Amino acid sequence: MPVRYKIDVLKALKEAGYNTNRLRQEKILSERTMQNFREGKSVSHEVLGRLCELLNCQPGDILEYVKEDNNQ
């Protein structure tokens, strides 16, 4: 996938005071969403917007485009 996470999202959330238990209990993020972060899978724009709000950042601080080398 040419778009990937630049940061460890769950680690950044934890540093901001949102551990996985709190994220689940307060229904901030679903377990499936957290698993998608662990596996490097994509999330919805809604979730990305929520992350930006929680981490006080822009989408470009979380995601990056990496050109794939199709010559291999």
PDB file of N, CA and C in Angstrom:
ATOM      1  N   MET A   1       0.849  -1.175   0.000  1.00  0.00           N
ATOM      2  CA  MET A   1       0.000   0.000   0.000  1.00  0.00           C
ATOM      3  C   MET A   1       0.893   1.236   0.000  1.00  0.00           C
ATOM      4  N   PRO A   2       0.701   2.143  -0.948  1.00  0.00           N
ATOM      5  CA  PRO A   2       1.594   3.297  -1.045  1.00  0.00           C
ATOM      6  C   PRO A   2       1.388   4.360   0.038  1.00  0.00           C
ATOM      7  N   VAL A   3       0.252   4.345   0.739  1.00  0.00           N
ATOM      8  CA  VAL A   3       0.044   5.274   1.840  1.00  0.00           C
ATOM      9  C   VAL A   3       0.190   4.497   3.138  1.00  0.00           C
ATOM     10  N   ARG A   4       1.067   4.988   4.008  1.00  0.00           N
ATOM     11  CA  ARG A   4       1.307   4.263   5.265  1.00  0.00           C
ATOM     12  C   ARG A   4       1.414   5.248   6.426  1.00  0.00           C
ATOM     13  N   TYR A   5       1.383   4.688   7.608  1.00  0.00           N
ATOM     14  CA  TYR A   5       1.479   5.505   8.817  1.00  0.00           C
ATOM     15  C   TYR A   5       2.927   5.924   9.049  1.00  0.00           C
ATOM     16  N   LYS A   6       3.136   7.194   9.306  1.00  0.00           N
ATOM     17  CA  LYS A   6       4.460   7.730   9.620  1.00  0.00           C
ATOM     18  C   LYS A   6       4.809   7.495  11.081  1.00  0.00           C
ATOM     19  N   ILE A   7       3.770   7.330  11.900  1.00  0.00           N
ATOM     20  CA  ILE A   7       3.967   7.204  13.342  1.00  0.00           C
ATOM     21  C   ILE A   7       3.293   5.939  13.837  1.00  0.00           C
ATOM     22  N   ASP A   8       3.670   5.505  15.006  1.00  0.00           N
ATOM     23  CA  ASP A   8       2.954   4.436  15.703  1.00  0.00           C
ATOM     24  C   ASP A   8       1.758   5.112  16.367  1.00  0.00           C
ATOM     25  N   VAL A   9       0.590   4.960  15.756  1.00  0.00           N
ATOM     26  CA  VAL A   9      -0.596   5.697  16.188  1.00  0.00           C
ATOM     27  C   VAL A   9      -0.962   5.387  17.633  1.00  0.00           C
ATOM     28  N   LEU A  10      -0.979   4.119  17.993  1.00  0.00           N
ATOM     29  CA  LEU A  10      -1.368   3.754  19.360  1.00  0.00           C
ATOM     30  C   LEU A  10      -0.365   4.276  20.388  1.00  0.00           C
ATOM     31  N   LYS A  11       0.905   4.293  20.034  1.00  0.00           N
ATOM     32  CA  LYS A  11       1.925   4.841  20.935  1.00  0.00           C
ATOM     33  C   LYS A  11       1.724   6.346  21.108  1.00  0.00           C
ATOM     34  N   ALA A  12       1.433   7.035  20.005  1.00  0.00           N
ATOM     35  CA  ALA A  12       1.197   8.482  20.072  1.00  0.00           C
ATOM     36  C   ALA A  12      -0.035   8.784  20.912  1.00  0.00           C
ATOM     37  N   LEU A  13      -1.086   7.982  20.758  1.00  0.00           N
ATOM     38  CA  LEU A  13      -2.282   8.175  21.568  1.00  0.00           C
ATOM     39  C   LEU A  13      -1.988   7.940  23.044  1.00  0.00           C
ATOM     40  N   LYS A  14      -1.200   6.910  23.327  1.00  0.00           N
ATOM     41  CA  LYS A  14      -0.842   6.609  24.719  1.00  0.00           C
ATOM     42  C   LYS A  14      -0.065   7.773  25.333  1.00  0.00           C
ATOM     43  N   GLU A  15       0.877   8.334  24.578  1.00  0.00           N
ATOM     44  CA  GLU A  15       1.661   9.470  25.056  1.00  0.00           C
ATOM     45  C   GLU A  15       0.778  10.697  25.294  1.00  0.00           C
ATOM     46  N   ALA A  16      -0.361  10.755  24.572  1.00  0.00           N
ATOM     47  CA  ALA A  16      -1.301  11.865  24.741  1.00  0.00           C
ATOM     48  C   ALA A  16      -2.335  11.575  25.834  1.00  0.00           C
ATOM     49  N   GLY A  17      -2.183  10.430  26.507  1.00  0.00           N
ATOM     50  CA  GLY A  17      -3.078  10.093  27.617  1.00  0.00           C
ATOM     51  C   GLY A  17      -4.232   9.173  27.264  1.00  0.00           C
ATOM     52  N   TYR A  18      -4.194   8.589  26.062  1.00  0.00           N
ATOM     53  CA  TYR A  18      -5.262   7.701  25.616  1.00  0.00           C
ATOM     54  C   TYR A  18      -4.732   6.271  25.469  1.00  0.00           C
ATOM     55  N   ASN A  19      -4.696   5.515  26.574  1.00  0.00           N
ATOM     56  CA  ASN A  19      -4.270   4.127  26.455  1.00  0.00           C
ATOM     57  C   ASN A  19      -5.404   3.305  25.840  1.00  0.00           C
ATOM     58  N   THR A  20      -5.111   2.076  25.420  1.00  0.00           N
ATOM     59  CA  THR A  20      -6.111   1.268  24.728  1.00  0.00           C
ATOM     60  C   THR A  20      -7.333   0.989  25.596  1.00  0.00           C
ATOM     61  N   ASN A  21      -7.143   0.841  26.889  1.00  0.00           N
ATOM     62  CA  ASN A  21      -8.275   0.607  27.779  1.00  0.00           C
ATOM     63  C   ASN A  21      -9.207   1.820  27.774  1.00  0.00           C
ATOM     64  N   ARG A  22      -8.644   3.001  27.871  1.00  0.00           N
ATOM     65  CA  ARG A  22      -9.452   4.225  27.856  1.00  0.00           C
ATOM     66  C   ARG A  22     -10.155   4.396  26.507  1.00  0.00           C
ATOM     67  N   LEU A  23      -9.437   4.105  25.419  1.00  0.00           N
ATOM     68  CA  LEU A  23     -10.032   4.232  24.093  1.00  0.00           C
ATOM     69  C   LEU A  23     -11.261   3.340  23.954  1.00  0.00           C
ATOM     70  N   ARG A  24     -11.176   2.130  24.505  1.00  0.00           N
ATOM     71  CA  ARG A  24     -12.309   1.197  24.453  1.00  0.00           C
ATOM     72  C   ARG A  24     -13.427   1.625  25.398  1.00  0.00           C
ATOM     73  N   GLN A  25     -13.088   1.889  26.647  1.00  0.00           N
ATOM     74  CA  GLN A  25     -14.094   2.204  27.657  1.00  0.00           C
ATOM     75  C   GLN A  25     -14.889   3.458  27.317  1.00  0.00           C
ATOM     76  N   GLU A  26     -14.212   4.466  26.815  1.00  0.00           N
ATOM     77  CA  GLU A  26     -14.885   5.722  26.476  1.00  0.00           C
ATOM     78  C   GLU A  26     -15.415   5.723  25.044  1.00  0.00           C
ATOM     79  N   LYS A  27     -15.279   4.575  24.380  1.00  0.00           N
ATOM     80  CA  LYS A  27     -15.769   4.396  23.007  1.00  0.00           C
ATOM     81  C   LYS A  27     -15.223   5.463  22.060  1.00  0.00           C
ATOM     82  N   ILE A  28     -13.950   5.768  22.237  1.00  0.00           N
ATOM     83  CA  ILE A  28     -13.279   6.732  21.370  1.00  0.00           C
ATOM     84  C   ILE A  28     -12.916   6.055  20.049  1.00  0.00           C
ATOM     85  N   LEU A  29     -12.364   4.839  20.151  1.00  0.00           N
ATOM     86  CA  LEU A  29     -12.035   4.023  18.981  1.00  0.00           C
ATOM     87  C   LEU A  29     -12.475   2.590  19.242  1.00  0.00           C
ATOM     88  N   SER A  30     -12.887   1.908  18.192  1.00  0.00           N
ATOM     89  CA  SER A  30     -13.291   0.515  18.334  1.00  0.00           C
ATOM     90  C   SER A  30     -12.062  -0.397  18.374  1.00  0.00           C
ATOM     91  N   GLU A  31     -12.268  -1.593  18.854  1.00  0.00           N
ATOM     92  CA  GLU A  31     -11.180  -2.582  18.876  1.00  0.00           C
ATOM     93  C   GLU A  31     -10.719  -2.870  17.452  1.00  0.00           C
ATOM     94  N   ARG A  32     -11.643  -2.933  16.501  1.00  0.00           N
ATOM     95  CA  ARG A  32     -11.292  -3.190  15.099  1.00  0.00           C
ATOM     96  C   ARG A  32     -10.395  -2.073  14.560  1.00  0.00           C
ATOM     97  N   THR A  33     -10.718  -0.840  14.889  1.00  0.00           N
ATOM     98  CA  THR A  33      -9.904   0.296  14.446  1.00  0.00           C
ATOM     99  C   THR A  33      -8.507   0.202  15.036  1.00  0.00           C
ATOM    100  N   MET A  34      -8.417  -0.124  16.310  1.00  0.00           N
ATOM    101  CA  MET A  34      -7.097  -0.252  16.938  1.00  0.00           C
ATOM    102  C   MET A  34      -6.309  -1.394  16.299  1.00  0.00           C
ATOM    103  N   GLN A  35      -6.995  -2.474  15.947  1.00  0.00           N
ATOM    104  CA  GLN A  35      -6.323  -3.591  15.280  1.00  0.00           C
ATOM    105  C   GLN A  35      -5.844  -3.158  13.892  1.00  0.00           C
ATOM    106  N   ASN A  36      -6.626  -2.359  13.203  1.00  0.00           N
ATOM    107  CA  ASN A  36      -6.188  -1.842  11.895  1.00  0.00           C
ATOM    108  C   ASN A  36      -4.901  -1.036  12.041  1.00  0.00           C
ATOM    109  N   PHE A  37      -4.778  -0.239  13.092  1.00  0.00           N
ATOM    110  CA  PHE A  37      -3.534   0.503  13.327  1.00  0.00           C
ATOM    111  C   PHE A  37      -2.379  -0.452  13.566  1.00  0.00           C
ATOM    112  N   ARG A  38      -2.600  -1.484  14.360  1.00  0.00           N
ATOM    113  CA  ARG A  38      -1.538  -2.461  14.643  1.00  0.00           C
ATOM    114  C   ARG A  38      -1.056  -3.147  13.366  1.00  0.00           C
ATOM    115  N   GLU A  39      -1.988  -3.401  12.452  1.00  0.00           N
ATOM    116  CA  GLU A  39      -1.673  -4.114  11.209  1.00  0.00           C
ATOM    117  C   GLU A  39      -1.306  -3.187  10.056  1.00  0.00           C
ATOM    118  N   GLY A  40      -1.310  -1.880  10.298  1.00  0.00           N
ATOM    119  CA  GLY A  40      -0.959  -0.923   9.255  1.00  0.00           C
ATOM    120  C   GLY A  40      -2.035  -0.779   8.188  1.00  0.00           C
ATOM    121  N   LYS A  41      -3.260  -1.161   8.502  1.00  0.00           N
ATOM    122  CA  LYS A  41      -4.365  -1.063   7.550  1.00  0.00           C
ATOM    123  C   LYS A  41      -4.989   0.324   7.602  1.00  0.00           C
ATOM    124  N   SER A  42      -5.716   0.634   6.549  1.00  0.00           N
ATOM    125  CA  SER A  42      -6.327   1.961   6.463  1.00  0.00           C
ATOM    126  C   SER A  42      -7.539   2.079   7.381  1.00  0.00           C
ATOM    127  N   VAL A  43      -7.878   3.318   7.681  1.00  0.00           N
ATOM    128  CA  VAL A  43      -9.062   3.639   8.482  1.00  0.00           C
ATOM    129  C   VAL A  43      -9.859   4.693   7.727  1.00  0.00           C
ATOM    130  N   SER A  44     -11.074   4.937   8.163  1.00  0.00           N
ATOM    131  CA  SER A  44     -11.939   5.903   7.482  1.00  0.00           C
ATOM    132  C   SER A  44     -11.451   7.337   7.702  1.00  0.00           C
ATOM    133  N   HIS A  45     -11.961   8.227   6.870  1.00  0.00           N
ATOM    134  CA  HIS A  45     -11.656   9.646   7.043  1.00  0.00           C
ATOM    135  C   HIS A  45     -12.181  10.149   8.378  1.00  0.00           C
ATOM    136  N   GLU A  46     -13.294   9.601   8.807  1.00  0.00           N
ATOM    137  CA  GLU A  46     -13.865   9.985  10.104  1.00  0.00           C
ATOM    138  C   GLU A  46     -12.891   9.660  11.235  1.00  0.00           C
ATOM    139  N   VAL A  47     -12.325   8.460  11.205  1.00  0.00           N
ATOM    140  CA  VAL A  47     -11.364   8.051  12.234  1.00  0.00           C
ATOM    141  C   VAL A  47     -10.106   8.907  12.135  1.00  0.00           C
ATOM    142  N   LEU A  48      -9.659   9.163  10.925  1.00  0.00           N
ATOM    143  CA  LEU A  48      -8.473  10.007  10.737  1.00  0.00           C
ATOM    144  C   LEU A  48      -8.710  11.399  11.310  1.00  0.00           C
ATOM    145  N   GLY A  49      -9.900  11.936  11.092  1.00  0.00           N
ATOM    146  CA  GLY A  49     -10.249  13.236  11.663  1.00  0.00           C
ATOM    147  C   GLY A  49     -10.253  13.211  13.181  1.00  0.00           C
ATOM    148  N   ARG A  50     -10.770  12.131  13.755  1.00  0.00           N
ATOM    149  CA  ARG A  50     -10.795  11.983  15.215  1.00  0.00           C
ATOM    150  C   ARG A  50      -9.364  11.924  15.749  1.00  0.00           C
ATOM    151  N   LEU A  51      -8.484  11.200  15.053  1.00  0.00           N
ATOM    152  CA  LEU A  51      -7.073  11.132  15.465  1.00  0.00           C
ATOM    153  C   LEU A  51      -6.441  12.516  15.468  1.00  0.00           C
ATOM    154  N   CYS A  52      -6.701  13.276  14.411  1.00  0.00           N
ATOM    155  CA  CYS A  52      -6.128  14.622  14.322  1.00  0.00           C
ATOM    156  C   CYS A  52      -6.604  15.486  15.485  1.00  0.00           C
ATOM    157  N   GLU A  53      -7.857  15.322  15.866  1.00  0.00           N
ATOM    158  CA  GLU A  53      -8.380  16.075  16.998  1.00  0.00           C
ATOM    159  C   GLU A  53      -7.704  15.640  18.301  1.00  0.00           C
ATOM    160  N   LEU A  54      -7.593  14.334  18.510  1.00  0.00           N
ATOM    161  CA  LEU A  54      -7.004  13.821  19.751  1.00  0.00           C
ATOM    162  C   LEU A  54      -5.521  14.167  19.877  1.00  0.00           C
ATOM    163  N   LEU A  55      -4.813  14.110  18.742  1.00  0.00           N
ATOM    164  CA  LEU A  55      -3.366  14.332  18.756  1.00  0.00           C
ATOM    165  C   LEU A  55      -2.984  15.775  18.407  1.00  0.00           C
ATOM    166  N   ASN A  56      -4.009  16.599  18.114  1.00  0.00           N
ATOM    167  CA  ASN A  56      -3.766  17.992  17.745  1.00  0.00           C
ATOM    168  C   ASN A  56      -2.751  18.095  16.608  1.00  0.00           C
ATOM    169  N   CYS A  57      -3.084  17.425  15.492  1.00  0.00           N
ATOM    170  CA  CYS A  57      -2.161  17.399  14.363  1.00  0.00           C
ATOM    171  C   CYS A  57      -2.942  17.418  13.055  1.00  0.00           C
ATOM    172  N   GLN A  58      -2.234  17.338  11.954  1.00  0.00           N
ATOM    173  CA  GLN A  58      -2.808  17.285  10.619  1.00  0.00           C
ATOM    174  C   GLN A  58      -2.643  15.871  10.048  1.00  0.00           C
ATOM    175  N   PRO A  59      -3.474  15.463   9.068  1.00  0.00           N
ATOM    176  CA  PRO A  59      -3.341  14.122   8.486  1.00  0.00           C
ATOM    177  C   PRO A  59      -1.925  13.824   7.981  1.00  0.00           C
ATOM    178  N   GLY A  60      -1.254  14.832   7.452  1.00  0.00           N
ATOM    179  CA  GLY A  60       0.117  14.645   6.963  1.00  0.00           C
ATOM    180  C   GLY A  60       1.112  14.322   8.064  1.00  0.00           C
ATOM    181  N   ASP A  61       0.747  14.580   9.305  1.00  0.00           N
ATOM    182  CA  ASP A  61       1.610  14.219  10.431  1.00  0.00           C
ATOM    183  C   ASP A  61       1.483  12.731  10.754  1.00  0.00           C
ATOM    184  N   ILE A  62       0.415  12.112  10.256  1.00  0.00           N
ATOM    185  CA  ILE A  62       0.116  10.711  10.565  1.00  0.00           C
ATOM    186  C   ILE A  62       0.422   9.797   9.386  1.00  0.00           C
ATOM    187  N   LEU A  63       0.107  10.265   8.178  1.00  0.00           N
ATOM    188  CA  LEU A  63       0.234   9.452   6.970  1.00  0.00           C
ATOM    189  C   LEU A  63       1.286  10.004   6.028  1.00  0.00           C
ATOM    190  N   GLU A  64       1.839   9.095   5.215  1.00  0.00           N
ATOM    191  CA  GLU A  64       2.767   9.507   4.169  1.00  0.00           C
ATOM    192  C   GLU A  64       2.576   8.631   2.945  1.00  0.00           C
ATOM    193  N   TYR A  65       2.862   9.186   1.795  1.00  0.00           N
ATOM    194  CA  TYR A  65       2.818   8.448   0.539  1.00  0.00           C
ATOM    195  C   TYR A  65       4.221   7.959   0.230  1.00  0.00           C
ATOM    196  N   VAL A  66       4.333   6.682  -0.084  1.00  0.00           N
ATOM    197  CA  VAL A  66       5.618   6.089  -0.449  1.00  0.00           C
ATOM    198  C   VAL A  66       5.440   5.433  -1.816  1.00  0.00           C
ATOM    199  N   LYS A  67       6.158   5.943  -2.789  1.00  0.00           N
ATOM    200  CA  LYS A  67       6.047   5.410  -4.141  1.00  0.00           C
ATOM    201  C   LYS A  67       6.503   3.958  -4.157  1.00  0.00           C
ATOM    202  N   GLU A  68       5.665   3.109  -4.770  1.00  0.00           N
ATOM    203  CA  GLU A  68       6.011   1.701  -4.862  1.00  0.00           C
ATOM    204  C   GLU A  68       6.917   1.480  -6.058  1.00  0.00           C
ATOM    205  N   ASP A  69       7.885   0.603  -5.883  1.00  0.00           N
ATOM    206  CA  ASP A  69       8.790   0.236  -6.972  1.00  0.00           C
ATOM    207  C   ASP A  69       8.210  -0.982  -7.661  1.00  0.00           C
ATOM    208  N   ASN A  70       7.629  -0.781  -8.841  1.00  0.00           N
ATOM    209  CA  ASN A  70       6.974  -1.873  -9.563  1.00  0.00           C
ATOM    210  C   ASN A  70       7.923  -2.643 -10.468  1.00  0.00           C
ATOM    211  N   ASN A  71       9.210  -2.319 -10.408  1.00  0.00           N
ATOM    212  CA  ASN A  71      10.196  -2.985 -11.262  1.00  0.00           C
ATOM    213  C   ASN A  71      10.740  -4.264 -10.655  1.00  0.00           C
ATOM    214  N   GLN A  72      10.275  -4.626  -9.505  1.00  0.00           N
ATOM    215  CA  GLN A  72      10.824  -5.827  -8.850  1.00  0.00           C
ATOM    216  C   GLN A  72      10.043  -7.043  -9.231  1.00  0.00           C
TER     217      GLN A  72
END
